[in-house]
Amino acid sequence: MDKKQLITRVIEPTLKQLGLYSESAVNLLVMIAAHESVKGNYIAQLIGPARGIYQMEGNTHDDIIVWLKLNKGHVYSEIAKLVVQPSTDMMMYDLRYATAMARVFFLRFPEALPSGSDVDAMAAYAKLRWNTKLGKATPADYKNAYLSWK
């Protein structure tokens, strides 16, 4: 997948529509897509439940929908404009929806996103929050994938 087109045609417009645009958010989502789907090459996990270019699992997707309905009325209404019926599989074929869900995922945590120019901090954050302490990836995996995507 072309990184520049992903940014300019999908990530930036989606984040602006949601009112969640920042350099940090853009770069973090690019980093996650770079690592999780090998730069957009996979839209579904080969063995496992993760879907879309950010490789979000169905349980996580469903938890976010419930959280949004309870906590973030405006953001939920903007996501509802993207899709009539939210579903995990929709993240495989609707890049804007997958991007919205990936960005909203991070709203559930109290800390601010790391600086969009601090690649090491973004990689550590991606590991901690997206991959979790139990996941196989390392901060170096996220950093290397991000830096290698030209």
C-alpha atoms as a PDB file:
ATOM      1  CA  MET A   1       0.000   0.000   0.000  1.00  0.00           C
ATOM      2  CA  ASP A   2       1.234   3.493  -0.763  1.00  0.00           C
ATOM      3  CA  LYS A   3       1.980   5.248   2.542  1.00  0.00           C
ATOM      4  CA  LYS A   4       1.413   8.781   1.265  1.00  0.00           C
ATOM      5  CA  GLN A   5      -1.998   7.917  -0.158  1.00  0.00           C
ATOM      6  CA  LEU A   6      -2.967   6.160   3.055  1.00  0.00           C
ATOM      7  CA  ILE A   7      -2.092   9.318   4.969  1.00  0.00           C
ATOM      8  CA  THR A   8      -3.607  11.924   2.651  1.00  0.00           C
ATOM      9  CA  ARG A   9      -6.642  10.006   1.404  1.00  0.00           C
ATOM     10  CA  VAL A  10      -7.599   7.985   4.467  1.00  0.00           C
ATOM     11  CA  ILE A  11      -5.964   8.833   7.786  1.00  0.00           C
ATOM     12  CA  GLU A  12      -5.947  12.634   7.689  1.00  0.00           C
ATOM     13  CA  PRO A  13      -9.513  13.112   6.359  1.00  0.00           C
ATOM     14  CA  THR A  14     -10.880  10.544   8.791  1.00  0.00           C
ATOM     15  CA  LEU A  15      -9.172  12.090  11.806  1.00  0.00           C
ATOM     16  CA  LYS A  16     -10.283  15.577  10.764  1.00  0.00           C
ATOM     17  CA  GLN A  17     -13.880  14.398  10.405  1.00  0.00           C
ATOM     18  CA  LEU A  18     -13.729  12.923  13.896  1.00  0.00           C
ATOM     19  CA  GLY A  19     -12.130  16.064  15.328  1.00  0.00           C
ATOM     20  CA  LEU A  20      -9.159  13.926  16.420  1.00  0.00           C
ATOM     21  CA  TYR A  21      -6.486  15.055  13.968  1.00  0.00           C
ATOM     22  CA  SER A  22      -2.913  15.556  15.148  1.00  0.00           C
ATOM     23  CA  GLU A  23       0.551  14.770  13.825  1.00  0.00           C
ATOM     24  CA  SER A  24       0.911  12.317  16.691  1.00  0.00           C
ATOM     25  CA  ALA A  25      -2.276  10.457  15.780  1.00  0.00           C
ATOM     26  CA  VAL A  26      -1.341  10.252  12.093  1.00  0.00           C
ATOM     27  CA  ASN A  27       2.159   8.953  12.768  1.00  0.00           C
ATOM     28  CA  LEU A  28       1.008   6.471  15.405  1.00  0.00           C
ATOM     29  CA  LEU A  29      -1.590   4.988  13.050  1.00  0.00           C
ATOM     30  CA  VAL A  30       0.960   4.765  10.242  1.00  0.00           C
ATOM     31  CA  MET A  31       3.319   2.988  12.635  1.00  0.00           C
ATOM     32  CA  ILE A  32       0.661   0.494  13.664  1.00  0.00           C
ATOM     33  CA  ALA A  33      -0.338  -0.223  10.061  1.00  0.00           C
ATOM     34  CA  ALA A  34       3.333  -0.547   9.088  1.00  0.00           C
ATOM     35  CA  HIS A  35       3.901  -3.242  11.668  1.00  0.00           C
ATOM     36  CA  GLU A  36       0.561  -4.987  12.098  1.00  0.00           C
ATOM     37  CA  SER A  37      -0.397  -5.460   8.441  1.00  0.00           C
ATOM     38  CA  VAL A  38       3.132  -5.271   7.016  1.00  0.00           C
ATOM     39  CA  LYS A  39       2.507  -1.876   5.406  1.00  0.00           C
ATOM     40  CA  GLY A  40      -1.032  -2.680   4.354  1.00  0.00           C
ATOM     41  CA  ASN A  41      -0.278  -6.049   2.786  1.00  0.00           C
ATOM     42  CA  TYR A  42      -2.692  -7.985   5.001  1.00  0.00           C
ATOM     43  CA  ILE A  43      -6.328  -7.133   5.649  1.00  0.00           C
ATOM     44  CA  ALA A  44      -6.997 -10.170   7.813  1.00  0.00           C
ATOM     45  CA  GLN A  45      -4.779 -12.087  10.180  1.00  0.00           C
ATOM     46  CA  LEU A  46      -3.670 -15.353   8.583  1.00  0.00           C
ATOM     47  CA  ILE A  47      -4.252 -17.322  11.784  1.00  0.00           C
ATOM     48  CA  GLY A  48      -6.385 -15.382  14.223  1.00  0.00           C
ATOM     49  CA  PRO A  49      -9.260 -12.939  14.509  1.00  0.00           C
ATOM     50  CA  ALA A  50      -7.587  -9.578  13.746  1.00  0.00           C
ATOM     51  CA  ARG A  51      -8.979  -7.564  10.834  1.00  0.00           C
ATOM     52  CA  GLY A  52      -8.041  -4.532   8.745  1.00  0.00           C
ATOM     53  CA  ILE A  53      -4.771  -2.739   8.135  1.00  0.00           C
ATOM     54  CA  TYR A  54      -4.415  -2.087  11.865  1.00  0.00           C
ATOM     55  CA  GLN A  55      -5.243  -5.713  12.733  1.00  0.00           C
ATOM     56  CA  MET A  56      -7.878  -5.041  15.386  1.00  0.00           C
ATOM     57  CA  GLU A  57      -9.582  -8.029  16.980  1.00  0.00           C
ATOM     58  CA  GLY A  58     -13.343  -8.358  17.100  1.00  0.00           C
ATOM     59  CA  ASN A  59     -13.592  -8.219  20.889  1.00  0.00           C
ATOM     60  CA  THR A  60     -11.632  -4.967  20.915  1.00  0.00           C
ATOM     61  CA  HIS A  61     -13.814  -3.540  18.154  1.00  0.00           C
ATOM     62  CA  ASP A  62     -16.986  -4.423  20.051  1.00  0.00           C
ATOM     63  CA  ASP A  63     -15.640  -2.989  23.322  1.00  0.00           C
ATOM     64  CA  ILE A  64     -14.873   0.298  21.558  1.00  0.00           C
ATOM     65  CA  ILE A  65     -18.405   0.520  20.136  1.00  0.00           C
ATOM     66  CA  VAL A  66     -19.885   0.045  23.620  1.00  0.00           C
ATOM     67  CA  TRP A  67     -17.416   2.553  25.110  1.00  0.00           C
ATOM     68  CA  LEU A  68     -18.233   5.114  22.413  1.00  0.00           C
ATOM     69  CA  LYS A  69     -21.964   4.850  22.989  1.00  0.00           C
ATOM     70  CA  LEU A  70     -21.451   5.449  26.703  1.00  0.00           C
ATOM     71  CA  ASN A  71     -18.741   8.115  26.634  1.00  0.00           C
ATOM     72  CA  LYS A  72     -18.160   9.931  23.379  1.00  0.00           C
ATOM     73  CA  GLY A  73     -21.458  10.938  21.782  1.00  0.00           C
ATOM     74  CA  HIS A  74     -19.990  13.299  19.163  1.00  0.00           C
ATOM     75  CA  VAL A  75     -17.257  10.919  18.045  1.00  0.00           C
ATOM     76  CA  TYR A  76     -19.755   8.054  17.898  1.00  0.00           C
ATOM     77  CA  SER A  77     -22.101  10.112  15.732  1.00  0.00           C
ATOM     78  CA  GLU A  78     -19.219  10.870  13.351  1.00  0.00           C
ATOM     79  CA  ILE A  79     -18.336   7.184  13.143  1.00  0.00           C
ATOM     80  CA  ALA A  80     -22.011   6.425  12.521  1.00  0.00           C
ATOM     81  CA  LYS A  81     -21.762   8.687   9.458  1.00  0.00           C
ATOM     82  CA  LEU A  82     -19.060   6.377   8.116  1.00  0.00           C
ATOM     83  CA  VAL A  83     -21.095   3.206   8.505  1.00  0.00           C
ATOM     84  CA  VAL A  84     -24.663   2.113   9.145  1.00  0.00           C
ATOM     85  CA  GLN A  85     -23.908  -1.136  10.971  1.00  0.00           C
ATOM     86  CA  PRO A  86     -20.499  -1.397  12.670  1.00  0.00           C
ATOM     87  CA  SER A  87     -18.773  -4.759  12.287  1.00  0.00           C
ATOM     88  CA  THR A  88     -15.347  -6.243  12.673  1.00  0.00           C
ATOM     89  CA  ASP A  89     -15.287  -7.434   9.064  1.00  0.00           C
ATOM     90  CA  MET A  90     -16.004  -3.909   7.835  1.00  0.00           C
ATOM     91  CA  MET A  91     -12.455  -3.011   8.922  1.00  0.00           C
ATOM     92  CA  MET A  92     -11.149  -5.255   6.117  1.00  0.00           C
ATOM     93  CA  TYR A  93     -12.764  -3.294   3.310  1.00  0.00           C
ATOM     94  CA  ASP A  94     -13.431   0.183   4.697  1.00  0.00           C
ATOM     95  CA  LEU A  95     -10.143   1.937   5.417  1.00  0.00           C
ATOM     96  CA  ARG A  96     -11.804   5.014   6.908  1.00  0.00           C
ATOM     97  CA  TYR A  97     -13.807   2.905   9.334  1.00  0.00           C
ATOM     98  CA  ALA A  98     -10.734   0.896  10.330  1.00  0.00           C
ATOM     99  CA  THR A  99      -8.836   4.153  10.851  1.00  0.00           C
ATOM    100  CA  ALA A 100     -11.604   5.643  12.973  1.00  0.00           C
ATOM    101  CA  MET A 101     -11.725   2.558  15.167  1.00  0.00           C
ATOM    102  CA  ALA A 102      -7.938   2.471  15.548  1.00  0.00           C
ATOM    103  CA  ARG A 103      -7.817   6.141  16.561  1.00  0.00           C
ATOM    104  CA  VAL A 104     -10.719   5.860  18.994  1.00  0.00           C
ATOM    105  CA  PHE A 105      -9.019   2.866  20.591  1.00  0.00           C
ATOM    106  CA  PHE A 106      -6.462   5.258  22.091  1.00  0.00           C
ATOM    107  CA  LEU A 107      -9.069   7.630  23.556  1.00  0.00           C
ATOM    108  CA  ARG A 108      -9.724   5.062  26.254  1.00  0.00           C
ATOM    109  CA  PHE A 109      -6.339   5.683  27.883  1.00  0.00           C
ATOM    110  CA  PRO A 110      -5.616   8.636  30.158  1.00  0.00           C
ATOM    111  CA  GLU A 111      -2.239   9.714  28.791  1.00  0.00           C
ATOM    112  CA  ALA A 112      -1.733  11.920  25.764  1.00  0.00           C
ATOM    113  CA  LEU A 113      -0.315  10.384  22.607  1.00  0.00           C
ATOM    114  CA  PRO A 114       3.477  10.668  22.359  1.00  0.00           C
ATOM    115  CA  SER A 115       4.951  13.379  20.177  1.00  0.00           C
ATOM    116  CA  GLY A 116       4.558  12.510  16.503  1.00  0.00           C
ATOM    117  CA  SER A 117       8.241  13.231  15.951  1.00  0.00           C
ATOM    118  CA  ASP A 118       9.485  10.961  18.765  1.00  0.00           C
ATOM    119  CA  VAL A 119       9.652   7.594  17.017  1.00  0.00           C
ATOM    120  CA  ASP A 120      11.000   5.764  20.057  1.00  0.00           C
ATOM    121  CA  ALA A 121       8.208   7.047  22.300  1.00  0.00           C
ATOM    122  CA  MET A 122       5.587   6.172  19.675  1.00  0.00           C
ATOM    123  CA  ALA A 123       7.011   2.664  19.328  1.00  0.00           C
ATOM    124  CA  ALA A 124       6.987   2.138  23.092  1.00  0.00           C
ATOM    125  CA  TYR A 125       3.413   3.432  23.269  1.00  0.00           C
ATOM    126  CA  ALA A 126       2.279   1.201  20.387  1.00  0.00           C
ATOM    127  CA  LYS A 127       3.765  -1.802  22.137  1.00  0.00           C
ATOM    128  CA  LEU A 128       2.244  -0.919  25.513  1.00  0.00           C
ATOM    129  CA  ARG A 129      -1.248   0.031  24.383  1.00  0.00           C
ATOM    130  CA  TRP A 130      -1.860  -1.657  21.018  1.00  0.00           C
ATOM    131  CA  ASN A 131       0.162  -4.851  21.348  1.00  0.00           C
ATOM    132  CA  THR A 132       0.087  -4.977  25.182  1.00  0.00           C
ATOM    133  CA  LYS A 133       2.709  -6.421  27.482  1.00  0.00           C
ATOM    134  CA  LEU A 134       1.595  -9.930  26.523  1.00  0.00           C
ATOM    135  CA  GLY A 135       1.949  -9.444  22.760  1.00  0.00           C
ATOM    136  CA  LYS A 136       4.859 -10.794  20.737  1.00  0.00           C
ATOM    137  CA  ALA A 137       5.901  -7.504  19.134  1.00  0.00           C
ATOM    138  CA  THR A 138       8.600  -5.261  20.556  1.00  0.00           C
ATOM    139  CA  PRO A 139       8.978  -1.492  20.364  1.00  0.00           C
ATOM    140  CA  ALA A 140      11.822  -2.133  17.911  1.00  0.00           C
ATOM    141  CA  ASP A 141       9.434  -4.053  15.645  1.00  0.00           C
ATOM    142  CA  TYR A 142       7.117  -1.035  15.475  1.00  0.00           C
ATOM    143  CA  LYS A 143       9.961   1.413  15.002  1.00  0.00           C
ATOM    144  CA  ASN A 144      11.658  -0.606  12.261  1.00  0.00           C
ATOM    145  CA  ALA A 145       8.419  -1.152  10.335  1.00  0.00           C
ATOM    146  CA  TYR A 146       7.601   2.552  10.551  1.00  0.00           C
ATOM    147  CA  LEU A 147      11.032   3.745   9.475  1.00  0.00           C
ATOM    148  CA  SER A 148      11.233   1.267   6.598  1.00  0.00           C
ATOM    149  CA  TRP A 149       7.905   2.349   5.045  1.00  0.00           C
ATOM    150  CA  LYS A 150       8.908   4.930   2.465  1.00  0.00           C
END
